[in-house]
C-alpha atoms as a PDB file:
ATOM      1  CA  MET A   1      21.233  17.751  -8.573  1.00  0.00           C
ATOM      2  CA  ILE A   2      23.673  16.010  -6.303  1.00  0.00           C
ATOM      3  CA  ALA A   3      21.295  16.183  -3.358  1.00  0.00           C
ATOM      4  CA  SER A   4      18.498  14.475  -5.300  1.00  0.00           C
ATOM      5  CA  SER A   5      20.797  11.654  -6.426  1.00  0.00           C
ATOM      6  CA  LEU A   6      21.964  11.160  -2.862  1.00  0.00           C
ATOM      7  CA  PHE A   7      18.337  10.946  -1.646  1.00  0.00           C
ATOM      8  CA  LEU A   8      17.383   8.407  -4.297  1.00  0.00           C
ATOM      9  CA  GLY A   9      20.375   6.289  -3.510  1.00  0.00           C
ATOM     10  CA  ALA A  10      19.417   6.165   0.212  1.00  0.00           C
ATOM     11  CA  VAL A  11      16.035   4.480  -0.364  1.00  0.00           C
ATOM     12  CA  GLY A  12      16.354   0.926   0.761  1.00  0.00           C
ATOM     13  CA  PRO A  13      14.064  -1.965   1.610  1.00  0.00           C
ATOM     14  CA  TRP A  14      13.415  -0.736   5.167  1.00  0.00           C
ATOM     15  CA  GLN A  15      12.313   2.676   3.982  1.00  0.00           C
ATOM     16  CA  ILE A  16       9.889   1.085   1.570  1.00  0.00           C
ATOM     17  CA  VAL A  17       8.458  -1.091   4.341  1.00  0.00           C
ATOM     18  CA  VAL A  18       7.969   1.983   6.541  1.00  0.00           C
ATOM     19  CA  VAL A  19       6.132   3.803   3.717  1.00  0.00           C
ATOM     20  CA  VAL A  20       3.880   0.756   3.075  1.00  0.00           C
ATOM     21  CA  VAL A  21       3.038   0.452   6.770  1.00  0.00           C
ATOM     22  CA  LEU A  22       2.260   4.155   7.028  1.00  0.00           C
ATOM     23  CA  VAL A  23      -0.050   3.993   4.000  1.00  0.00           C
ATOM     24  CA  LEU A  24      -1.837   0.973   5.533  1.00  0.00           C
ATOM     25  CA  LEU A  25      -2.273   2.795   8.812  1.00  0.00           C
ATOM     26  CA  LEU A  26      -3.513   5.999   7.207  1.00  0.00           C
ATOM     27  CA  PHE A  27      -5.919   4.565   4.694  1.00  0.00           C
ATOM     28  CA  GLY A  28      -6.696   1.052   5.848  1.00  0.00           C
ATOM     29  CA  GLY A  29      -6.796  -2.128   3.838  1.00  0.00           C
ATOM     30  CA  LYS A  30     -10.245  -1.511   2.298  1.00  0.00           C
ATOM     31  CA  LYS A  31      -9.487   1.938   0.894  1.00  0.00           C
ATOM     32  CA  ILE A  32      -6.214   1.022  -0.874  1.00  0.00           C
ATOM     33  CA  PRO A  33      -7.861  -0.898  -3.820  1.00  0.00           C
ATOM     34  CA  GLU A  34     -10.127   2.085  -4.374  1.00  0.00           C
ATOM     35  CA  LEU A  35      -7.137   4.475  -4.375  1.00  0.00           C
ATOM     36  CA  MET A  36      -5.186   2.258  -6.834  1.00  0.00           C
ATOM     37  CA  ARG A  37      -8.234   1.930  -9.102  1.00  0.00           C
ATOM     38  CA  GLY A  38      -8.582   5.752  -9.141  1.00  0.00           C
ATOM     39  CA  LEU A  39      -4.848   6.149  -9.820  1.00  0.00           C
ATOM     40  CA  GLY A  40      -5.043   3.658 -12.711  1.00  0.00           C
ATOM     41  CA  SER A  41      -8.000   5.319 -14.299  1.00  0.00           C
ATOM     42  CA  GLY A  42      -6.335   8.718 -13.963  1.00  0.00           C
ATOM     43  CA  ILE A  43      -3.186   7.432 -15.735  1.00  0.00           C
ATOM     44  CA  LYS A  44      -5.382   5.891 -18.459  1.00  0.00           C
ATOM     45  CA  GLU A  45      -7.211   9.144 -19.040  1.00  0.00           C
ATOM     46  CA  PHE A  46      -3.901  11.036 -19.177  1.00  0.00           C
ATOM     47  CA  LYS A  47      -2.533   8.626 -21.755  1.00  0.00           C
ATOM     48  CA  ASP A  48      -5.665   8.860 -23.853  1.00  0.00           C
ATOM     49  CA  ALA A  49      -5.576  12.648 -23.730  1.00  0.00           C
ATOM     50  CA  SER A  50      -1.861  12.667 -24.702  1.00  0.00           C
ATOM     51  CA  LYS A  51      -2.542  10.336 -27.595  1.00  0.00           C
ATOM     52  CA  ASP A  52      -5.473  12.498 -28.825  1.00  0.00           C
ATOM     53  CA  ASP A  53      -3.317  15.613 -28.575  1.00  0.00           C
ATOM     54  CA  SER A  54      -0.494  14.015 -30.594  1.00  0.00           C
ATOM     55  CA  ASP A  55      -3.059  12.841 -33.206  1.00  0.00           C
ATOM     56  CA  LYS A  56      -4.352  16.356 -33.565  1.00  0.00           C
ATOM     57  CA  LYS A  57      -0.853  17.755 -34.019  1.00  0.00           C
ATOM     58  CA  ALA A  58      -0.111  15.153 -36.684  1.00  0.00           C
ATOM     59  CA  SER A  59      -3.333  15.943 -38.580  1.00  0.00           C
ATOM     60  CA  ASP A  60      -2.593  19.683 -38.420  1.00  0.00           C
ATOM     61  CA  LYS A  61       0.809  19.101 -40.002  1.00  0.00           C
ATOM     62  CA  LYS A  62      -0.734  17.093 -42.854  1.00  0.00           C
ATOM     63  CA  GLU A  63      -3.001  19.917 -43.871  1.00  0.00           C
END
């Protein structure tokens, strides 16, 4: 637990810049919007599935 909090505390602006530059080098500027769009749609589907699951549990408790 202590090791993870030390790691998270060590992330600064230079580390973020390095990660962004590496992502740009690996994927290129044209692929990043596609990747973000896919990530967004995946998150949306996950939220919808979670909501549907909680609705089913609520309807099961009513019966």
